[in-house]
Protein backbone atom coordinates (compact mmCIF):
# COMPACT_ATOMS: atom_id res chain seq x y z
CA MET A 1 80.46 158.23 294.00
CA SER A 2 82.64 157.98 290.87
CA VAL A 3 84.85 160.90 289.86
CA ARG A 4 82.77 161.84 286.83
CA SER A 5 79.59 161.79 288.97
CA SER A 6 80.83 164.13 291.69
CA SER A 7 80.93 167.66 290.31
CA THR A 8 80.85 170.75 292.50
CA VAL A 9 78.07 170.36 295.06
CA SER A 10 75.52 173.15 294.98
CA LEU A 11 72.98 173.91 297.67
CA ILE A 12 69.55 172.37 297.05
CA LEU A 13 66.44 173.38 298.89
CA ILE A 14 65.17 170.47 300.97
CA ILE A 15 61.52 169.89 300.26
CA ALA A 16 59.43 168.19 302.93
CA VAL A 17 55.88 168.48 301.69
CA CYS A 18 53.50 165.97 300.16
CA SER A 19 53.32 167.62 296.74
CA ILE A 20 55.35 170.19 294.87
CA ALA A 21 54.10 172.67 292.30
CA CYS A 22 56.72 172.70 289.53
CA GLY A 23 56.62 173.27 285.82
CA GLY A 24 52.96 174.21 285.92
CA ARG A 25 51.72 171.06 287.63
CA THR A 26 51.78 169.35 290.99
CA VAL A 27 54.03 166.34 291.49
CA VAL A 28 52.65 163.98 294.12
CA ILE A 29 55.51 162.54 296.16
CA THR A 30 53.70 160.66 298.93
CA PRO A 31 50.83 158.17 298.50
CA ARG A 32 47.34 159.62 298.56
CA GLN A 33 46.14 156.32 300.00
CA PRO A 34 47.62 152.85 300.68
CA VAL A 35 48.46 150.84 297.56
CA THR A 36 47.55 147.15 297.79
CA ALA A 37 49.75 144.37 296.43
CA ALA A 38 47.18 143.71 293.70
CA GLN A 39 47.23 147.35 292.65
CA LEU A 40 51.02 147.51 292.69
CA ALA A 41 51.18 144.45 290.44
CA GLU A 42 49.66 146.58 287.68
CA LEU A 43 53.01 148.41 287.62
CA TRP A 44 55.60 146.09 289.18
CA VAL A 45 55.92 142.56 290.51
CA ASP A 46 58.91 141.11 292.30
CA PRO A 47 60.70 138.96 289.69
CA GLY A 48 61.82 136.57 292.41
CA SER A 49 65.12 134.79 292.77
CA SER A 50 65.13 133.06 289.35
CA PRO A 51 66.70 135.41 286.79
CA ARG A 52 64.40 136.27 283.91
CA ASP A 53 65.49 135.55 280.34
CA LEU A 54 66.49 138.96 279.01
CA PHE A 55 67.42 137.74 275.55
CA TRP A 56 63.92 136.66 274.50
CA GLY A 57 62.10 138.78 277.05
CA VAL A 58 58.52 138.57 278.26
CA GLY A 59 57.26 137.31 274.88
CA GLY A 60 59.67 134.40 274.74
CA ARG A 61 61.20 132.83 271.69
CA GLU A 62 57.88 131.47 270.45
CA ARG A 63 56.43 134.94 269.81
CA ALA A 64 59.46 136.39 268.04
CA PRO A 65 58.97 137.68 264.49
CA ALA A 66 60.34 135.47 261.72
CA PRO A 67 63.48 137.24 260.44
CA ASP A 68 63.15 136.01 256.84
CA ALA A 69 59.38 136.25 256.38
CA PRO A 70 57.79 138.92 254.16
CA TYR A 71 55.77 141.60 256.02
CA THR A 72 52.96 143.52 254.38
CA VAL A 73 52.93 147.24 255.19
CA THR A 74 49.45 148.47 256.13
CA GLY A 75 50.26 151.89 257.57
CA LYS A 76 52.98 154.42 258.30
CA ASP A 77 53.54 156.96 261.10
CA ALA A 78 56.20 159.58 260.47
CA THR A 79 55.08 162.09 263.11
CA GLY A 80 57.56 161.12 265.85
CA PHE A 81 61.34 161.03 266.02
CA SER A 82 61.38 157.55 264.46
CA VAL A 83 59.34 156.32 261.52
CA SER A 84 57.04 153.42 262.41
CA TYR A 85 55.18 151.02 260.14
CA ASP A 86 52.15 148.87 260.79
CA VAL A 87 52.90 145.51 259.22
CA THR A 88 51.27 142.09 258.99
CA GLY A 89 53.24 138.85 258.90
CA PRO A 90 52.39 135.71 256.91
CA ASP A 91 50.64 134.23 259.96
CA GLU A 92 48.37 137.35 260.12
CA THR A 93 50.05 138.67 263.28
CA GLU A 94 50.05 142.48 263.24
CA TRP A 95 53.16 144.32 264.34
CA SER A 96 54.43 147.82 264.98
CA ALA A 97 57.87 148.15 263.36
CA LYS A 98 59.95 151.17 264.49
CA LEU A 99 63.00 152.06 262.42
CA GLY A 100 66.13 154.00 263.21
CA PRO A 101 68.46 154.37 266.21
CA GLU A 102 65.64 153.94 268.73
CA ALA A 103 65.06 150.35 267.59
CA GLN A 104 68.02 149.00 269.53
CA THR A 105 67.63 151.15 272.62
CA GLU A 106 63.93 150.45 273.04
CA VAL A 107 64.50 146.70 273.09
CA VAL A 108 67.38 146.94 275.59
CA VAL A 109 65.59 149.30 278.00
CA SER A 110 62.39 147.25 277.82
CA ARG A 111 64.34 144.07 278.58
CA LEU A 112 66.01 145.64 281.61
CA LEU A 113 62.74 147.03 283.01
CA TRP A 114 61.03 143.66 282.64
CA GLY A 115 64.00 141.93 284.24
CA LEU A 116 63.58 144.24 287.24
CA GLY A 117 59.87 143.46 287.58
CA TYR A 118 58.19 146.27 285.64
CA GLN A 119 55.36 145.42 283.27
CA GLN A 120 56.39 145.49 279.62
CA PRO A 121 54.90 144.27 276.34
CA PRO A 122 56.85 141.90 274.08
CA THR A 123 59.46 143.61 271.88
CA TYR A 124 62.04 142.22 269.49
CA TYR A 125 64.84 143.58 267.32
CA LEU A 126 65.44 142.61 263.71
CA PRO A 127 68.67 143.82 262.03
CA SER A 128 66.66 143.89 258.79
CA TRP A 129 63.30 142.68 257.52
CA ILE A 130 61.56 141.97 254.22
CA VAL A 131 58.79 144.19 252.85
CA ALA A 132 56.27 142.10 250.88
CA GLY A 133 55.17 143.07 247.38
CA GLU A 134 55.69 142.30 243.73
CA GLU A 135 59.32 143.16 244.23
CA LYS A 136 60.32 142.24 247.73
CA ARG A 137 62.88 144.52 249.32
CA ARG A 138 64.85 144.40 252.52
CA GLU A 139 64.29 147.25 254.96
CA SER A 140 66.65 148.49 257.67
CA GLU A 141 66.72 147.59 261.36
CA ALA A 142 63.48 147.72 263.33
CA ARG A 143 61.93 147.16 266.71
CA PHE A 144 59.02 144.74 266.26
CA ARG A 145 56.18 144.84 268.81
CA PRO A 146 53.16 142.56 268.26
CA LYS A 147 49.62 143.90 268.46
CA LEU A 148 47.85 141.29 270.56
CA ALA A 149 44.16 141.08 271.43
CA GLU A 150 45.16 139.93 274.93
CA LEU A 151 47.17 143.15 275.44
CA LYS A 152 44.75 145.85 274.38
CA ARG A 153 46.03 149.40 274.56
CA ARG A 154 43.63 151.84 276.17
CA PRO A 155 43.23 155.30 274.58
CA GLU A 156 44.19 157.25 277.70
CA VAL A 157 47.68 157.64 279.20
CA TRP A 158 48.77 157.83 282.84
CA SER A 159 50.57 160.78 284.37
CA TRP A 160 54.00 160.66 285.97
CA ALA A 161 53.02 163.46 288.34
CA ASP A 162 49.82 161.93 289.73
CA ASN A 163 48.82 158.30 289.29
CA PRO A 164 47.62 155.29 291.31
CA PHE A 165 51.21 154.52 292.41
CA SER A 166 52.26 158.06 293.39
CA GLY A 167 54.66 158.07 296.31
CA THR A 168 55.50 154.36 296.11
CA ARG A 169 59.09 153.21 296.10
CA GLU A 170 58.40 151.22 292.95
CA LEU A 171 57.23 154.23 290.93
CA LYS A 172 60.14 156.35 292.11
CA GLY A 173 62.48 153.45 291.39
CA LEU A 174 61.18 153.28 287.81
CA LEU A 175 62.08 156.93 287.34
CA VAL A 176 65.54 156.35 288.83
CA ILE A 177 66.20 153.45 286.46
CA LEU A 178 65.21 155.54 283.46
CA LEU A 179 67.55 158.29 284.65
CA MET A 180 70.39 155.78 284.94
CA LEU A 181 69.76 154.81 281.32
CA ASN A 182 69.62 158.47 280.20
CA SER A 183 65.99 158.16 279.17
CA THR A 184 65.33 161.73 278.07
CA ASP A 185 61.67 161.63 277.01
CA LEU A 186 59.74 161.55 280.30
CA LYS A 187 56.45 162.73 278.83
CA ASP A 188 53.08 161.28 279.78
CA ASP A 189 52.32 160.37 276.15
CA ASN A 190 54.84 157.54 276.48
CA ASN A 191 52.92 156.03 279.40
CA THR A 192 50.47 153.33 278.37
CA ILE A 193 47.66 151.40 280.04
CA TYR A 194 46.88 147.91 278.76
CA GLU A 195 43.80 145.81 279.34
CA VAL A 196 45.29 142.39 280.02
CA ARG A 197 43.79 138.95 279.44
CA PRO A 198 45.23 135.40 279.75
CA PRO A 199 47.87 134.18 279.17
CA TRP A 200 49.35 137.51 280.25
CA GLY A 201 47.27 137.90 283.36
CA GLU A 202 43.99 139.60 284.23
CA GLY A 203 43.29 143.29 284.77
CA LYS A 204 45.49 146.25 283.77
CA TRP A 205 49.12 147.08 283.21
CA PHE A 206 50.61 150.55 283.67
CA LEU A 207 53.90 150.87 281.82
CA VAL A 208 56.31 153.14 279.99
CA ARG A 209 56.15 151.92 276.41
CA ASP A 210 58.10 154.25 274.11
CA LEU A 211 61.60 153.84 275.52
CA GLY A 212 63.84 154.53 272.55
CA ALA A 213 65.10 157.97 273.58
CA ALA A 214 67.82 156.57 275.83
CA LEU A 215 71.41 155.35 276.10
CA GLY A 216 72.82 158.61 274.74
CA GLU A 217 72.67 162.22 275.85
CA THR A 218 69.77 163.99 277.51
CA GLY A 219 68.22 167.21 276.24
CA LYS A 220 65.03 168.94 275.22
CA LEU A 221 65.46 169.24 271.44
CA TYR A 222 66.28 165.96 269.69
CA PRO A 223 69.09 164.72 271.93
CA ARG A 224 71.22 162.05 270.34
CA ARG A 225 69.96 158.57 271.13
CA ASN A 226 71.96 155.36 271.23
CA TRP A 227 75.24 157.28 271.51
CA LEU A 228 77.79 155.38 273.56
CA GLU A 229 80.38 158.13 273.86
CA GLY A 230 77.79 160.65 275.00
CA PHE A 231 76.38 158.16 277.50
CA GLU A 232 79.82 157.60 278.97
CA GLN A 233 80.52 161.32 279.27
CA ARG A 234 77.38 162.28 281.16
CA ALA A 235 77.41 162.25 284.94
CA PHE A 236 74.60 160.82 287.04
CA ILE A 237 74.34 162.41 290.50
CA THR A 238 75.76 165.94 290.65
CA ALA A 239 74.70 167.04 294.15
CA VAL A 240 73.04 165.73 297.31
CA SER A 241 71.72 167.94 300.11
CA GLY A 242 69.81 166.16 302.83
CA SER A 243 66.93 164.37 301.15
CA ALA A 244 67.23 166.24 297.84
CA ILE A 245 69.23 164.98 294.86
CA GLU A 246 70.40 166.84 291.78
CA PHE A 247 70.91 164.83 288.59
CA ASP A 248 72.84 165.50 285.41
CA TYR A 249 69.64 165.52 283.38
CA ASP A 250 68.82 168.09 280.68
CA GLY A 251 65.58 166.59 279.40
CA ARG A 252 62.03 167.84 279.75
CA HIS A 253 59.85 167.54 282.84
CA GLN A 254 62.61 168.03 285.36
CA GLU A 255 59.95 168.68 287.98
CA LEU A 256 59.49 164.90 288.18
CA LEU A 257 62.94 164.50 289.70
CA SER A 258 61.70 166.24 292.85
CA MET A 259 59.96 163.02 293.90
CA ILE A 260 63.23 161.07 294.26
CA ARG A 261 64.91 160.71 297.67
CA PRO A 262 68.21 158.94 298.48
CA GLU A 263 66.38 155.85 299.77
CA ASP A 264 64.43 155.62 296.50
CA LEU A 265 67.63 155.80 294.48
CA GLN A 266 69.31 153.21 296.65
CA TRP A 267 66.29 150.89 296.35
CA ALA A 268 66.54 151.03 292.56
CA ALA A 269 70.31 150.55 292.68
CA ARG A 270 69.95 147.46 294.87
CA ARG A 271 67.42 146.02 292.44
CA MET A 272 69.66 146.69 289.45
CA ALA A 273 72.63 145.16 291.27
CA ARG A 274 70.70 141.88 291.39
CA LEU A 275 70.81 141.48 287.62
CA THR A 276 73.34 138.83 286.69
CA ASP A 277 76.18 139.36 284.23
CA ARG A 278 74.37 137.05 281.83
CA GLN A 279 71.20 139.15 282.07
CA TRP A 280 73.13 142.32 281.28
CA ARG A 281 74.80 140.67 278.29
CA ASP A 282 71.53 139.13 277.08
CA ALA A 283 69.64 142.44 277.25
CA PHE A 284 72.18 144.12 275.00
CA ARG A 285 72.48 141.04 272.80
CA ALA A 286 68.70 141.22 272.29
CA GLY A 287 69.29 144.70 270.85
CA ASN A 288 72.08 143.38 268.59
CA TYR A 289 74.88 145.34 270.26
CA ALA A 290 78.41 144.21 269.51
CA THR A 291 80.07 142.83 272.64
CA PRO A 292 82.68 145.60 273.02
CA ARG A 293 79.99 148.31 272.89
CA ALA A 294 77.70 146.39 275.21
CA ASP A 295 80.53 145.94 277.71
CA ARG A 296 81.17 149.69 277.79
CA TYR A 297 77.49 150.48 278.30
CA ILE A 298 77.24 147.91 281.09
CA ALA A 299 80.39 149.20 282.80
CA ARG A 300 79.04 152.77 282.86
CA ILE A 301 75.63 151.67 284.15
CA LYS A 302 77.30 149.68 286.91
CA GLU A 303 79.23 152.80 287.91
CA LYS A 304 75.90 154.57 288.33
CA ILE A 305 74.56 151.66 290.35
CA ALA A 306 77.59 151.93 292.63
CA ASP A 307 76.90 155.66 293.06
CA GLY A 308 73.36 154.84 294.16
CA LEU A 309 74.48 152.16 296.59
CA ALA A 310 77.00 154.57 298.13
CA LEU A 311 74.43 157.21 299.06
CA ARG A 312 73.80 157.92 302.72
CA VAL A 313 70.15 157.22 303.42
CA ASP A 314 67.59 157.17 306.21
CA ARG A 315 68.23 153.71 307.65
CA ARG A 316 64.68 153.49 308.98
CA ALA A 317 63.30 153.92 305.48
CA VAL A 318 65.63 151.19 304.20
CA ALA A 319 64.64 148.86 307.06
CA ASP A 320 60.96 149.42 306.27
CA ASP A 321 61.65 148.60 302.64
CA GLU A 322 63.51 145.39 303.49
CA ARG A 323 60.52 144.20 305.56
CA ARG A 324 58.14 144.59 302.65
């Protein structure tokens, strides 16, 4: 464990029950029933041995928004942390364009999750874009996400605390990865279900979609996003007692962290360690990070990965995982 990640160890109560009542709700930490491979694929699929392209992402180069095309604004949402516009391009493709500091982080985090096998919609970053009208003007940076008929968003959300994947290593690993990236907005409203049709597949996707509150500090009231210095200063693991882990996390819904065990953290760390140096660079390049800043982010994330790999775990649980 790195020096900054090993603060004074405090005693943590070891919890060995199937569900824990915390924060006014029950967090399910073991599967209610077996999860089939087909069901798990709605959340995660093994990306295999061929590294995925984390510069263009799941949508590929062919679906990227044209950087110099005019976009017609059809709606505006200013209710969240970041202002978002509904826009239509010259080819009639509809997009969601999110402005502000979350534009970069959302693209990077989405790229990394998809590279690790988690379902994600296409996202792209534009340093600036053109608003159509009698007098065209150039707007600031934005995350562009296409609205596709083949990826239809369902009105309901899925719950972190109780869902079809509760208790699986893959769900717990998703939470670990978001903690490594200082994702501080672990609310159910960010969890989306898509109805999926070809060429994307067939069935449903369960995913975390609004990922911009990351790569900075964690906190409950408007923590600073996309803040390199704050990201470097925060620890990761602050205490381990038996099967319980304490994290340096100040965001909401801390009850969710009770589902994570050392073997879950190590599983996620092993997966992240498989990303190549090019994939790390490409993910941050997709978010338009300058190389020196990207290198510092990557170095700190790799320190957290090393902390996860260094944990002492139940070797039987790891052996079972390796046989999957």
